[in-house]
Amino acid sequence: MAIELRQLQDSLSDESLFITKRMRLRCKERGISIDDIFACIKGGKIIRQYENDKPFSSCLINGLSASKIPLHIVVSFNEGVIYLI
């Protein structure tokens, strides 16, 4: 099932974003903050859908970080939870 950007934007909150310990480390290594992820989802656009990903469909979002630096993120979405991949 395709993910719609509006679904992500409407669900976006500190409580809805799930980031694994590994992804937190990768973000820290790359200088990507939670605010950057939020900004990318709020102002970005979905440029690719991965409908066959498991356990949930995912998508690639192209947007800008909070400091206006280009950023690509991959997320999946299920029952109001956004998973940073």
Protein backbone atom coordinates (compact mmCIF):
# COMPACT_ATOMS: atom_id res chain seq x y z
CA MET A 1 0.00 0.00 0.00
CA ALA A 2 1.37 3.42 -0.97
CA ILE A 3 2.12 5.94 1.75
CA GLU A 4 0.66 9.43 1.38
CA LEU A 5 2.70 12.40 2.57
CA ARG A 6 -0.39 13.94 4.19
CA GLN A 7 -0.72 10.83 6.41
CA LEU A 8 2.84 11.31 7.63
CA GLN A 9 2.43 15.06 8.14
CA ASP A 10 -0.85 14.65 10.03
CA SER A 11 0.65 11.98 12.32
CA LEU A 12 3.99 13.67 12.93
CA SER A 13 4.81 14.20 16.62
CA ASP A 14 7.52 13.24 19.08
CA GLU A 15 5.37 10.28 20.13
CA SER A 16 4.66 9.05 16.59
CA LEU A 17 8.27 8.93 15.39
CA PHE A 18 10.05 5.63 16.12
CA ILE A 19 13.82 5.62 15.75
CA THR A 20 15.89 2.58 16.64
CA LYS A 21 19.08 2.89 18.68
CA ARG A 22 21.07 2.09 15.53
CA MET A 23 19.32 4.84 13.55
CA ARG A 24 19.85 7.35 16.36
CA LEU A 25 23.57 6.56 16.18
CA ARG A 26 23.60 6.93 12.36
CA CYS A 27 21.78 10.27 12.59
CA LYS A 28 24.25 11.48 15.21
CA GLU A 29 27.19 10.43 13.01
CA ARG A 30 25.68 12.34 10.08
CA GLY A 31 24.66 15.40 12.10
CA ILE A 32 20.93 14.85 11.50
CA SER A 33 18.63 15.99 14.30
CA ILE A 34 15.02 15.15 15.08
CA ASP A 35 14.16 18.70 13.96
CA ASP A 36 15.81 17.93 10.60
CA ILE A 37 13.68 14.80 10.19
CA PHE A 38 10.51 16.71 11.10
CA ALA A 39 11.38 19.51 8.64
CA CYS A 40 12.02 17.00 5.86
CA ILE A 41 8.65 15.30 6.39
CA LYS A 42 6.75 18.57 6.80
CA GLY A 43 8.16 20.25 3.70
CA GLY A 44 9.38 17.40 1.54
CA LYS A 45 7.86 15.21 -1.11
CA ILE A 46 7.74 11.47 -1.62
CA ILE A 47 9.93 10.59 -4.58
CA ARG A 48 9.78 6.80 -4.39
CA GLN A 49 7.46 4.20 -2.92
CA TYR A 50 8.60 0.79 -1.73
CA GLU A 51 5.23 -0.94 -1.45
CA ASN A 52 6.68 -4.45 -1.13
CA ASP A 53 8.92 -3.67 1.88
CA LYS A 54 8.31 -5.74 4.98
CA PRO A 55 6.88 -5.54 7.54
CA PHE A 56 5.36 -2.27 6.22
CA SER A 57 5.52 -0.34 2.97
CA SER A 58 8.07 2.47 3.00
CA CYS A 59 8.91 5.56 0.99
CA LEU A 60 11.81 7.84 0.19
CA ILE A 61 11.27 11.51 1.05
CA ASN A 62 13.29 14.33 -0.48
CA GLY A 63 13.24 17.51 1.55
CA LEU A 64 15.25 20.03 3.50
CA SER A 65 16.64 19.85 7.01
CA ALA A 66 15.75 22.48 9.60
CA SER A 67 18.78 24.46 8.41
CA LYS A 68 17.72 24.12 4.74
CA ILE A 69 20.26 21.43 3.77
CA PRO A 70 18.99 18.83 1.27
CA LEU A 71 18.01 15.60 3.00
CA HIS A 72 16.67 12.20 1.95
CA ILE A 73 15.00 9.94 4.49
CA VAL A 74 13.26 6.58 4.22
CA VAL A 75 10.28 5.94 6.47
CA SER A 76 7.57 3.37 6.86
CA PHE A 77 4.17 4.01 8.40
CA ASN A 78 1.66 1.87 10.25
CA GLU A 79 -1.24 2.73 12.55
CA GLY A 80 -0.06 6.28 13.18
CA VAL A 81 3.58 5.38 13.84
CA ILE A 82 6.35 6.66 11.55
CA TYR A 83 9.41 4.41 11.49
CA LEU A 84 12.71 5.96 10.41
CA ILE A 85 14.59 3.38 8.38
